[in-house]
Structure formats: C-alpha cells, structure tokens
C-alpha atoms as a PDB file:
ATOM      1  CA  UNK A   1      -9.431  -3.649  33.157  1.00  0.00           C
ATOM      2  CA  UNK A   2      -9.076  -1.087  35.824  1.00  0.00           C
ATOM      3  CA  UNK A   3      -5.430  -0.404  34.903  1.00  0.00           C
ATOM      4  CA  UNK A   4      -4.718   3.030  33.630  1.00  0.00           C
ATOM      5  CA  UNK A   5      -2.033   1.489  31.234  1.00  0.00           C
ATOM      6  CA  UNK A   6      -4.674  -0.673  29.455  1.00  0.00           C
ATOM      7  CA  UNK A   7      -7.137   2.151  29.449  1.00  0.00           C
ATOM      8  CA  UNK A   8      -4.706   4.639  28.024  1.00  0.00           C
ATOM      9  CA  UNK A   9      -3.456   2.416  25.180  1.00  0.00           C
ATOM     10  CA  UNK A  10      -7.069   1.578  23.962  1.00  0.00           C
ATOM     11  CA  UNK A  11      -7.643   5.239  23.065  1.00  0.00           C
ATOM     12  CA  UNK A  12      -4.734   5.864  20.552  1.00  0.00           C
ATOM     13  CA  UNK A  13      -4.928   2.399  19.181  1.00  0.00           C
ATOM     14  CA  UNK A  14      -8.756   2.772  18.519  1.00  0.00           C
ATOM     15  CA  UNK A  15      -8.158   5.916  16.644  1.00  0.00           C
ATOM     16  CA  UNK A  16      -4.918   4.537  14.750  1.00  0.00           C
ATOM     17  CA  UNK A  17      -6.577   1.281  13.670  1.00  0.00           C
ATOM     18  CA  UNK A  18      -9.687   3.045  12.486  1.00  0.00           C
ATOM     19  CA  UNK A  19      -7.600   5.262  10.296  1.00  0.00           C
ATOM     20  CA  UNK A  20      -5.330   2.535   9.042  1.00  0.00           C
ATOM     21  CA  UNK A  21      -8.411   0.430   8.167  1.00  0.00           C
ATOM     22  CA  UNK A  22      -9.986   3.166   6.065  1.00  0.00           C
ATOM     23  CA  UNK A  23      -6.574   4.016   4.349  1.00  0.00           C
ATOM     24  CA  UNK A  24      -5.884   0.232   3.564  1.00  0.00           C
ATOM     25  CA  UNK A  25      -9.334  -0.064   1.927  1.00  0.00           C
ATOM     26  CA  UNK A  26      -8.674   3.073  -0.135  1.00  0.00           C
ATOM     27  CA  UNK A  27      -5.138   1.787  -1.139  1.00  0.00           C
ATOM     28  CA  UNK A  28      -6.721  -1.299  -2.660  1.00  0.00           C
ATOM     29  CA  UNK A  29      -8.855   0.376  -5.052  1.00  0.00           C
ATOM     30  CA  UNK A  30      -8.081  -0.334  -8.576  1.00  0.00           C
ATOM     31  CA  UNK A  31      -8.572   3.245  -9.912  1.00  0.00           C
ATOM     32  CA  UNK A  32      -6.199   4.696  -7.185  1.00  0.00           C
ATOM     33  CA  UNK A  33      -3.097   6.240  -8.715  1.00  0.00           C
ATOM     34  CA  UNK A  34       0.191   6.507  -6.979  1.00  0.00           C
ATOM     35  CA  UNK A  35       0.293  10.241  -6.110  1.00  0.00           C
ATOM     36  CA  UNK A  36      -2.869   9.844  -3.995  1.00  0.00           C
ATOM     37  CA  UNK A  37      -1.376   6.692  -2.279  1.00  0.00           C
ATOM     38  CA  UNK A  38       1.718   8.760  -1.430  1.00  0.00           C
ATOM     39  CA  UNK A  39      -0.298  11.669   0.025  1.00  0.00           C
ATOM     40  CA  UNK A  40      -2.440   9.098   2.057  1.00  0.00           C
ATOM     41  CA  UNK A  41       0.646   7.646   3.581  1.00  0.00           C
ATOM     42  CA  UNK A  42       2.266  10.958   4.342  1.00  0.00           C
ATOM     43  CA  UNK A  43      -0.920  12.136   6.044  1.00  0.00           C
ATOM     44  CA  UNK A  44      -0.826   8.914   8.257  1.00  0.00           C
ATOM     45  CA  UNK A  45       2.593   9.777   9.349  1.00  0.00           C
ATOM     46  CA  UNK A  46       1.457  13.247  10.202  1.00  0.00           C
ATOM     47  CA  UNK A  47      -1.460  11.842  12.154  1.00  0.00           C
ATOM     48  CA  UNK A  48       0.657   9.382  14.047  1.00  0.00           C
ATOM     49  CA  UNK A  49       2.780  12.546  14.865  1.00  0.00           C
ATOM     50  CA  UNK A  50      -0.099  14.442  16.211  1.00  0.00           C
ATOM     51  CA  UNK A  51      -1.079  11.519  18.434  1.00  0.00           C
ATOM     52  CA  UNK A  52       2.346  11.200  19.707  1.00  0.00           C
ATOM     53  CA  UNK A  53       2.319  14.762  20.936  1.00  0.00           C
ATOM     54  CA  UNK A  54      -1.015  14.475  22.598  1.00  0.00           C
ATOM     55  CA  UNK A  55      -0.164  12.324  25.478  1.00  0.00           C
ATOM     56  CA  UNK A  56      -1.898  14.471  28.179  1.00  0.00           C
ATOM     57  CA  UNK A  57      -5.020  14.789  26.062  1.00  0.00           C
ATOM     58  CA  UNK A  58      -5.178  11.010  25.498  1.00  0.00           C
ATOM     59  CA  UNK A  59      -4.667  10.361  29.189  1.00  0.00           C
ATOM     60  CA  UNK A  60      -7.734  12.594  30.128  1.00  0.00           C
ATOM     61  CA  UNK A  61      -9.878  10.747  27.808  1.00  0.00           C
ATOM     62  CA  UNK A  62      -8.577   7.389  29.257  1.00  0.00           C
ATOM     63  CA  UNK A  63      -9.424   8.588  32.737  1.00  0.00           C
ATOM     64  CA  UNK A  64     -13.012   9.579  31.694  1.00  0.00           C
ATOM     65  CA  UNK A  65     -13.688   5.971  30.230  1.00  0.00           C
ATOM     66  CA  UNK A  66     -14.806   4.625  33.569  1.00  0.00           C
ATOM     67  CA  UNK A  67     -14.756   5.652  37.188  1.00  0.00           C
ATOM     68  CA  UNK A  68     -13.152   2.409  38.324  1.00  0.00           C
ATOM     69  CA  UNK A  69      -9.991   3.001  36.359  1.00  0.00           C
ATOM     70  CA  UNK A  70      -6.944   3.633  38.541  1.00  0.00           C
ATOM     71  CA  UNK A  71      -5.433   7.116  38.672  1.00  0.00           C
ATOM     72  CA  UNK A  72      -1.890   5.783  38.655  1.00  0.00           C
ATOM     73  CA  UNK A  73       0.107   3.727  36.115  1.00  0.00           C
ATOM     74  CA  UNK A  74       1.226   0.190  36.929  1.00  0.00           C
ATOM     75  CA  UNK A  75       4.727   0.808  35.989  1.00  0.00           C
ATOM     76  CA  UNK A  76       6.928  -0.983  38.623  1.00  0.00           C
ATOM     77  CA  UNK A  77       9.194   1.581  40.340  1.00  0.00           C
ATOM     78  CA  UNK A  78      12.579  -0.273  40.634  1.00  0.00           C
ATOM     79  CA  UNK A  79      15.258   0.640  43.133  1.00  0.00           C
ATOM     80  CA  UNK A  80      17.743   3.023  41.885  1.00  0.00           C
ATOM     81  CA  UNK A  81      21.160   1.547  41.055  1.00  0.00           C
ATOM     82  CA  UNK A  82      23.893   4.181  41.977  1.00  0.00           C
ATOM     83  CA  UNK A  83      27.174   3.598  40.299  1.00  0.00           C
ATOM     84  CA  UNK A  84      30.198   4.306  42.403  1.00  0.00           C
ATOM     85  CA  UNK A  85      31.909   7.343  41.039  1.00  0.00           C
ATOM     86  CA  UNK A  86      35.700   7.471  40.517  1.00  0.00           C
ATOM     87  CA  UNK A  87      37.638  10.532  41.985  1.00  0.00           C
ATOM     88  CA  UNK A  88      37.908  12.163  38.536  1.00  0.00           C
ATOM     89  CA  UNK A  89      34.099  12.051  37.736  1.00  0.00           C
ATOM     90  CA  UNK A  90      31.648  14.884  38.624  1.00  0.00           C
ATOM     91  CA  UNK A  91      28.981  14.456  40.924  1.00  0.00           C
ATOM     92  CA  UNK A  92      25.640  13.631  39.202  1.00  0.00           C
ATOM     93  CA  UNK A  93      22.324  14.733  40.266  1.00  0.00           C
ATOM     94  CA  UNK A  94      20.408  11.640  40.355  1.00  0.00           C
ATOM     95  CA  UNK A  95      17.069  13.524  40.677  1.00  0.00           C
ATOM     96  CA  UNK A  96      17.460  14.689  36.944  1.00  0.00           C
ATOM     97  CA  UNK A  97      17.255  11.164  35.753  1.00  0.00           C
ATOM     98  CA  UNK A  98      14.422   9.910  37.888  1.00  0.00           C
ATOM     99  CA  UNK A  99      11.171   9.405  36.095  1.00  0.00           C
ATOM    100  CA  UNK A 100       7.649   9.511  37.583  1.00  0.00           C
ATOM    101  CA  UNK A 101       5.474   6.635  36.688  1.00  0.00           C
ATOM    102  CA  UNK A 102       3.617   8.790  34.291  1.00  0.00           C
ATOM    103  CA  UNK A 103       6.814   9.977  32.495  1.00  0.00           C
ATOM    104  CA  UNK A 104       8.245   6.445  32.600  1.00  0.00           C
ATOM    105  CA  UNK A 105       5.011   5.012  30.726  1.00  0.00           C
ATOM    106  CA  UNK A 106       5.266   7.891  28.221  1.00  0.00           C
ATOM    107  CA  UNK A 107       8.970   7.556  27.392  1.00  0.00           C
ATOM    108  CA  UNK A 108       9.427   3.834  27.580  1.00  0.00           C
ATOM    109  CA  UNK A 109       6.020   2.585  26.256  1.00  0.00           C
ATOM    110  CA  UNK A 110       3.909   5.264  24.405  1.00  0.00           C
ATOM    111  CA  UNK A 111       6.711   7.114  22.617  1.00  0.00           C
ATOM    112  CA  UNK A 112       8.340   3.771  21.579  1.00  0.00           C
ATOM    113  CA  UNK A 113       5.228   2.449  20.053  1.00  0.00           C
ATOM    114  CA  UNK A 114       4.442   5.573  18.271  1.00  0.00           C
ATOM    115  CA  UNK A 115       7.973   5.869  16.870  1.00  0.00           C
ATOM    116  CA  UNK A 116       8.184   2.265  15.853  1.00  0.00           C
ATOM    117  CA  UNK A 117       4.915   2.689  14.001  1.00  0.00           C
ATOM    118  CA  UNK A 118       6.279   5.944  12.302  1.00  0.00           C
ATOM    119  CA  UNK A 119       9.360   4.050  11.249  1.00  0.00           C
ATOM    120  CA  UNK A 120       7.251   1.173   9.662  1.00  0.00           C
ATOM    121  CA  UNK A 121       5.227   3.813   7.677  1.00  0.00           C
ATOM    122  CA  UNK A 122       8.208   5.565   6.570  1.00  0.00           C
ATOM    123  CA  UNK A 123       9.842   2.198   5.278  1.00  0.00           C
ATOM    124  CA  UNK A 124       6.608   1.574   3.134  1.00  0.00           C
ATOM    125  CA  UNK A 125       6.524   5.185   2.083  1.00  0.00           C
ATOM    126  CA  UNK A 126      10.130   5.224   0.760  1.00  0.00           C
ATOM    127  CA  UNK A 127       9.451   3.117  -2.293  1.00  0.00           C
ATOM    128  CA  UNK A 128       6.510   5.057  -3.093  1.00  0.00           C
ATOM    129  CA  UNK A 129       8.274   8.358  -2.854  1.00  0.00           C
ATOM    130  CA  UNK A 130      10.970   7.105  -5.139  1.00  0.00           C
ATOM    131  CA  UNK A 131       8.433   6.088  -7.888  1.00  0.00           C
ATOM    132  CA  UNK A 132       6.398   9.363  -7.468  1.00  0.00           C
ATOM    133  CA  UNK A 133       9.393  11.509  -7.876  1.00  0.00           C
ATOM    134  CA  UNK A 134      10.202   9.743 -11.217  1.00  0.00           C
ATOM    135  CA  UNK A 135       6.648   9.862 -12.738  1.00  0.00           C
ATOM    136  CA  UNK A 136       4.374  11.737 -10.225  1.00  0.00           C
ATOM    137  CA  UNK A 137       4.614  14.817 -12.548  1.00  0.00           C
ATOM    138  CA  UNK A 138       2.190  13.035 -14.814  1.00  0.00           C
ATOM    139  CA  UNK A 139      -0.478  13.871 -12.204  1.00  0.00           C
ATOM    140  CA  UNK A 140       0.385  17.257 -10.844  1.00  0.00           C
ATOM    141  CA  UNK A 141       1.877  18.835 -14.068  1.00  0.00           C
ATOM    142  CA  UNK A 142      -0.545  21.667 -13.939  1.00  0.00           C
ATOM    143  CA  UNK A 143       1.368  22.979 -10.780  1.00  0.00           C
ATOM    144  CA  UNK A 144       4.778  22.904 -12.604  1.00  0.00           C
ATOM    145  CA  UNK A 145       6.611  25.088 -15.028  1.00  0.00           C
ATOM    146  CA  UNK A 146       7.408  24.179 -18.571  1.00  0.00           C
ATOM    147  CA  UNK A 147      11.077  23.720 -17.758  1.00  0.00           C
ATOM    148  CA  UNK A 148      10.291  21.378 -14.879  1.00  0.00           C
ATOM    149  CA  UNK A 149       7.839  19.370 -16.986  1.00  0.00           C
ATOM    150  CA  UNK A 150      10.660  19.039 -19.780  1.00  0.00           C
ATOM    151  CA  UNK A 151      13.341  18.064 -17.213  1.00  0.00           C
ATOM    152  CA  UNK A 152      10.993  15.350 -15.650  1.00  0.00           C
ATOM    153  CA  UNK A 153       9.905  14.112 -19.041  1.00  0.00           C
ATOM    154  CA  UNK A 154      13.575  13.646 -20.095  1.00  0.00           C
ATOM    155  CA  UNK A 155      14.333  12.044 -16.722  1.00  0.00           C
ATOM    156  CA  UNK A 156      11.533   9.492 -17.165  1.00  0.00           C
ATOM    157  CA  UNK A 157      12.580   8.938 -20.847  1.00  0.00           C
ATOM    158  CA  UNK A 158      16.066   7.855 -19.684  1.00  0.00           C
ATOM    159  CA  UNK A 159      14.412   5.393 -17.296  1.00  0.00           C
ATOM    160  CA  UNK A 160      12.307   3.850 -19.994  1.00  0.00           C
ATOM    161  CA  UNK A 161      14.453   4.274 -23.026  1.00  0.00           C
ATOM    162  CA  UNK A 162      12.770   1.214 -24.876  1.00  0.00           C
ATOM    163  CA  UNK A 163       9.362   2.644 -24.302  1.00  0.00           C
ATOM    164  CA  UNK A 164       9.628   6.380 -24.600  1.00  0.00           C
ATOM    165  CA  UNK A 165      11.357   8.536 -27.164  1.00  0.00           C
ATOM    166  CA  UNK A 166      13.471  11.018 -25.042  1.00  0.00           C
ATOM    167  CA  UNK A 167      13.704  13.532 -27.885  1.00  0.00           C
ATOM    168  CA  UNK A 168       9.892  13.617 -28.495  1.00  0.00           C
ATOM    169  CA  UNK A 169       8.337  12.877 -25.181  1.00  0.00           C
ATOM    170  CA  UNK A 170       9.118  16.190 -23.500  1.00  0.00           C
ATOM    171  CA  UNK A 171       7.560  18.339 -26.333  1.00  0.00           C
ATOM    172  CA  UNK A 172       4.526  15.870 -26.375  1.00  0.00           C
ATOM    173  CA  UNK A 173       4.003  16.415 -22.645  1.00  0.00           C
ATOM    174  CA  UNK A 174       4.128  20.254 -23.156  1.00  0.00           C
ATOM    175  CA  UNK A 175       1.544  20.155 -25.833  1.00  0.00           C
ATOM    176  CA  UNK A 176      -0.593  17.673 -23.737  1.00  0.00           C
ATOM    177  CA  UNK A 177      -0.558  20.100 -20.721  1.00  0.00           C
ATOM    178  CA  UNK A 178      -2.162  22.722 -22.998  1.00  0.00           C
ATOM    179  CA  UNK A 179      -4.964  20.272 -24.029  1.00  0.00           C
ATOM    180  CA  UNK A 180      -5.832  19.175 -20.581  1.00  0.00           C
ATOM    181  CA  UNK A 181      -6.589  22.811 -19.081  1.00  0.00           C
ATOM    182  CA  UNK A 182      -9.471  22.305 -16.621  1.00  0.00           C
ATOM    183  CA  UNK A 183     -10.516  25.139 -14.432  1.00  0.00           C
ATOM    184  CA  UNK A 184     -13.548  25.396 -11.952  1.00  0.00           C
ATOM    185  CA  UNK A 185     -15.833  28.328 -11.660  1.00  0.00           C
ATOM    186  CA  UNK A 186     -13.441  30.388  -9.470  1.00  0.00           C
ATOM    187  CA  UNK A 187     -10.599  30.089 -12.006  1.00  0.00           C
ATOM    188  CA  UNK A 188      -8.642  27.660  -9.659  1.00  0.00           C
ATOM    189  CA  UNK A 189      -6.783  24.895 -11.557  1.00  0.00           C
ATOM    190  CA  UNK A 190      -8.314  21.601 -10.946  1.00  0.00           C
ATOM    191  CA  UNK A 191      -5.844  18.593 -11.077  1.00  0.00           C
ATOM    192  CA  UNK A 192      -6.860  15.888 -13.469  1.00  0.00           C
ATOM    193  CA  UNK A 193      -6.072  12.389 -12.203  1.00  0.00           C
ATOM    194  CA  UNK A 194      -3.857  10.192 -14.237  1.00  0.00           C
ATOM    195  CA  UNK A 195      -6.519   7.729 -15.233  1.00  0.00           C
ATOM    196  CA  UNK A 196      -8.578  10.678 -16.525  1.00  0.00           C
ATOM    197  CA  UNK A 197      -5.637  11.992 -18.543  1.00  0.00           C
ATOM    198  CA  UNK A 198      -5.399   8.508 -20.267  1.00  0.00           C
ATOM    199  CA  UNK A 199      -9.213   8.496 -20.717  1.00  0.00           C
ATOM    200  CA  UNK A 200      -8.944  11.866 -22.690  1.00  0.00           C
ATOM    201  CA  UNK A 201      -6.401  10.355 -25.116  1.00  0.00           C
ATOM    202  CA  UNK A 202      -8.516   7.274 -25.659  1.00  0.00           C
ATOM    203  CA  UNK A 203     -11.963   9.007 -25.925  1.00  0.00           C
ATOM    204  CA  UNK A 204     -10.514  11.535 -28.408  1.00  0.00           C
ATOM    205  CA  UNK A 205      -8.571   8.902 -30.316  1.00  0.00           C
ATOM    206  CA  UNK A 206      -5.358  11.002 -29.804  1.00  0.00           C
ATOM    207  CA  UNK A 207      -3.072   7.954 -29.457  1.00  0.00           C
ATOM    208  CA  UNK A 208      -1.324   8.997 -32.792  1.00  0.00           C
ATOM    209  CA  UNK A 209      -0.896  12.599 -31.475  1.00  0.00           C
ATOM    210  CA  UNK A 210       0.378  11.704 -28.107  1.00  0.00           C
ATOM    211  CA  UNK A 211       1.896   8.155 -28.518  1.00  0.00           C
ATOM    212  CA  UNK A 212       4.763   8.626 -25.889  1.00  0.00           C
ATOM    213  CA  UNK A 213       2.324  10.400 -23.260  1.00  0.00           C
ATOM    214  CA  UNK A 214      -0.070   7.547 -23.739  1.00  0.00           C
ATOM    215  CA  UNK A 215       2.546   5.067 -23.036  1.00  0.00           C
ATOM    216  CA  UNK A 216       4.014   6.880 -20.039  1.00  0.00           C
ATOM    217  CA  UNK A 217       0.432   7.211 -18.499  1.00  0.00           C
ATOM    218  CA  UNK A 218      -0.070   3.316 -19.049  1.00  0.00           C
ATOM    219  CA  UNK A 219       3.300   2.686 -17.296  1.00  0.00           C
ATOM    220  CA  UNK A 220       2.378   4.924 -14.408  1.00  0.00           C
ATOM    221  CA  UNK A 221      -1.108   3.453 -13.886  1.00  0.00           C
ATOM    222  CA  UNK A 222       0.258  -0.058 -14.015  1.00  0.00           C
ATOM    223  CA  UNK A 223       2.511   0.656 -11.040  1.00  0.00           C
ATOM    224  CA  UNK A 224       1.147  -1.443  -8.112  1.00  0.00           C
ATOM    225  CA  UNK A 225      -0.068   0.657  -5.241  1.00  0.00           C
ATOM    226  CA  UNK A 226      -0.877  -2.002  -2.742  1.00  0.00           C
ATOM    227  CA  UNK A 227       2.187  -3.721  -1.444  1.00  0.00           C
ATOM    228  CA  UNK A 228       0.610  -6.781   0.258  1.00  0.00           C
ATOM    229  CA  UNK A 229       0.957 -10.201  -1.070  1.00  0.00           C
ATOM    230  CA  UNK A 230      -1.797 -11.384  -3.412  1.00  0.00           C
ATOM    231  CA  UNK A 231      -3.915 -14.508  -2.600  1.00  0.00           C
ATOM    232  CA  UNK A 232      -2.637 -17.649  -4.092  1.00  0.00           C
ATOM    233  CA  UNK A 233      -4.789 -18.799  -6.995  1.00  0.00           C
ATOM    234  CA  UNK A 234      -5.294 -22.530  -7.894  1.00  0.00           C
ATOM    235  CA  UNK A 235      -6.359 -23.795 -11.388  1.00  0.00           C
ATOM    236  CA  UNK A 236      -9.066 -26.435 -11.520  1.00  0.00           C
ATOM    237  CA  UNK A 237      -6.685 -29.010 -12.913  1.00  0.00           C
ATOM    238  CA  UNK A 238      -4.367 -28.501  -9.801  1.00  0.00           C
ATOM    239  CA  UNK A 239      -7.250 -28.887  -7.463  1.00  0.00           C
ATOM    240  CA  UNK A 240      -8.343 -32.062  -9.242  1.00  0.00           C
ATOM    241  CA  UNK A 241      -4.851 -33.381  -9.082  1.00  0.00           C
ATOM    242  CA  UNK A 242      -4.678 -32.635  -5.310  1.00  0.00           C
ATOM    243  CA  UNK A 243      -7.939 -34.172  -4.590  1.00  0.00           C
ATOM    244  CA  UNK A 244      -7.459 -37.352  -6.643  1.00  0.00           C
ATOM    245  CA  UNK A 245      -3.795 -37.775  -6.222  1.00  0.00           C
ATOM    246  CA  UNK A 246      -4.099 -40.992  -4.211  1.00  0.00           C
ATOM    247  CA  UNK A 247      -6.544 -42.624  -6.745  1.00  0.00           C
ATOM    248  CA  UNK A 248      -5.368 -41.397 -10.105  1.00  0.00           C
ATOM    249  CA  UNK A 249      -2.168 -41.470 -11.926  1.00  0.00           C
ATOM    250  CA  UNK A 250      -0.646 -39.017 -14.512  1.00  0.00           C
ATOM    251  CA  UNK A 251      -1.480 -40.768 -17.539  1.00  0.00           C
ATOM    252  CA  UNK A 252      -5.282 -40.715 -16.612  1.00  0.00           C
ATOM    253  CA  UNK A 253      -5.136 -37.080 -15.450  1.00  0.00           C
ATOM    254  CA  UNK A 254      -3.518 -36.052 -18.585  1.00  0.00           C
ATOM    255  CA  UNK A 255      -6.295 -37.965 -20.591  1.00  0.00           C
ATOM    256  CA  UNK A 256      -8.855 -36.073 -18.630  1.00  0.00           C
ATOM    257  CA  UNK A 257      -7.021 -32.819 -19.387  1.00  0.00           C
ATOM    258  CA  UNK A 258      -6.987 -33.593 -23.164  1.00  0.00           C
ATOM    259  CA  UNK A 259     -10.821 -34.399 -23.112  1.00  0.00           C
ATOM    260  CA  UNK A 260     -11.396 -30.993 -21.403  1.00  0.00           C
ATOM    261  CA  UNK A 261      -9.253 -29.158 -23.889  1.00  0.00           C
ATOM    262  CA  UNK A 262     -10.605 -30.841 -26.882  1.00  0.00           C
ATOM    263  CA  UNK A 263     -14.264 -30.945 -25.664  1.00  0.00           C
ATOM    264  CA  UNK A 264     -15.515 -29.636 -29.079  1.00  0.00           C
ATOM    265  CA  UNK A 265     -14.297 -32.883 -30.715  1.00  0.00           C
ATOM    266  CA  UNK A 266     -15.351 -35.030 -27.785  1.00  0.00           C
ATOM    267  CA  UNK A 267     -19.052 -33.985 -28.373  1.00  0.00           C
ATOM    268  CA  UNK A 268     -18.994 -35.297 -31.795  1.00  0.00           C
ATOM    269  CA  UNK A 269     -17.876 -38.826 -30.692  1.00  0.00           C
ATOM    270  CA  UNK A 270     -20.609 -41.430 -29.951  1.00  0.00           C
ATOM    271  CA  UNK A 271     -19.554 -42.301 -26.299  1.00  0.00           C
ATOM    272  CA  UNK A 272     -22.252 -45.049 -26.070  1.00  0.00           C
ATOM    273  CA  UNK A 273     -20.332 -47.243 -28.489  1.00  0.00           C
ATOM    274  CA  UNK A 274     -17.033 -46.724 -26.566  1.00  0.00           C
ATOM    275  CA  UNK A 275     -18.792 -47.637 -23.195  1.00  0.00           C
ATOM    276  CA  UNK A 276     -20.359 -50.880 -24.558  1.00  0.00           C
ATOM    277  CA  UNK A 277     -16.941 -51.861 -25.937  1.00  0.00           C
ATOM    278  CA  UNK A 278     -15.389 -51.136 -22.610  1.00  0.00           C
ATOM    279  CA  UNK A 279     -17.888 -53.315 -20.853  1.00  0.00           C
ATOM    280  CA  UNK A 280     -17.319 -56.298 -23.316  1.00  0.00           C
ATOM    281  CA  UNK A 281     -13.598 -56.075 -22.689  1.00  0.00           C
ATOM    282  CA  UNK A 282     -14.086 -55.867 -18.871  1.00  0.00           C
ATOM    283  CA  UNK A 283     -16.308 -58.995 -18.883  1.00  0.00           C
ATOM    284  CA  UNK A 284     -13.775 -60.989 -20.918  1.00  0.00           C
END
C-alpha cells in the first residue's frame, strides 16, 4: 500500500464511483424524464474530462494520504530498443520519445483509463441523445421559437404516424405552449417537466382539447431511462413446478392450478365427503 501507483488511483476512483453511484440511483427513479437523464450523462462526461486534466492535483492529494507512500512510481523502466536506421532515414532524437516514470504512468495508465471510461459513457449516451433530439422538445419547448416547435412536432408526427396526426399536432403544440406559461418572481421562464405537463392536461381534463399532445407526452414518458437489465420475475406456479418437479407430474400440477383459478367454486364444494370417499377407495 506504499506504492504511489495504487495511492494515486484510489483518489480519482473514489471520486468517480461516488458520482456514478449517485447518478445511477437518480437514473432509476420512475419520475425521471429523458431530458434530465441526458443532462446527467453529459455532465458525467464533462466531470471525467475535468479529472483527466487534473493529473498533477490528484498526484498531490495521493502523496498527502500517508507519509509512507513512495515518491516515485513503480513503472518499470525498460531498456531502450534502438532500431538500426537505413541510410536514407533521418537521425532521430531518442530523448524526445523517452518518458519519465511519472509521464509513462500518466500516458499509459491514467489517460487510458479515463479515455476508456469516456468512450463507455458516450456509447450509452448516443441512444439517449437520439431519442432526446426526436422528442426532447416536449420538455424544453419554452426556449424554442414557434417555427422550431412546429418543425419538431411534424418530425415527431412522422415517426409515430399511427399515434399522432401530423396535420393537427403542430398547432396543438403551439396552443399548449401558450397554456403552460410559468414564470418565477423575477420573470425568468421556468421549464415545466414533461410529467407536470401531462398532469396539467389530466387535472384540467383537457384530453379532448389536446389529444395529440397528451399521446406525445405519454409516449415520451414511457421511454425507458435506465438501460440495465431487469430482475427476472418468477410466477408462483413456476416456483411450485420447480420445487416439486421430481414428486409431481403435469396432470397433478394442472389440477392444482385449476383449483387455484376456480377457488370460488372450490369453496362451495364439501371437501370432507370427497376425503372420506378417497379414504374408502384407498383401503380397498
């Protein structure tokens, strides 16, 4: 644990994992809309970039963690391999390509990890960005011109032709933006979240006035934000089948299922008489 390499990496990873954990928890909230998720992931990329550019500051923090930490990196210094030059090649200055241990650790370890992390974030952000470009205007329409809103509404209508009326939806959207006009005390425009916009329609029973707008918001809010795999769910019948697979065959399991489904009829039957009849048949 006295290695500067290990001490150095604990500093950025502690910061990164703490931020990733908080962001991950937020992304799993059921009330979170897509535009906020995009902003969170973009801010994470910028945060990774700021850490990537603060190598010297991180090194100072790592050295201050303990007095027993080495002042030098453990990167092995290998012997230079000098290739024999042909007569037509220019003489190279080998000192220009020779890295110190600190620079070697920065270039070959730290920068590589940060860039890989940034690429992984970008890969996950691409799909969110694509969806946000198509329907994100439903959240930040107050910062757009009427022409931009009409163009985006027409574009979204072409994507969902079976759900939205391309001829009516743009005008509905313009009308709806005039309805949702929230300003704070200083007169600055406050952006209403998508969920609140849909709630305004439902609370005021405006479904008949803005039918396409309501459908658009329902489509937008149903888009999954978290891209993790869901936990597998097992039905009770499947658990019974797995547990009693070796002792129960399908006919009996099907009979139990039928009894469960028709339990209202089962309660009307006198099971005592059936049990007595079963015992008599067994004795014979």
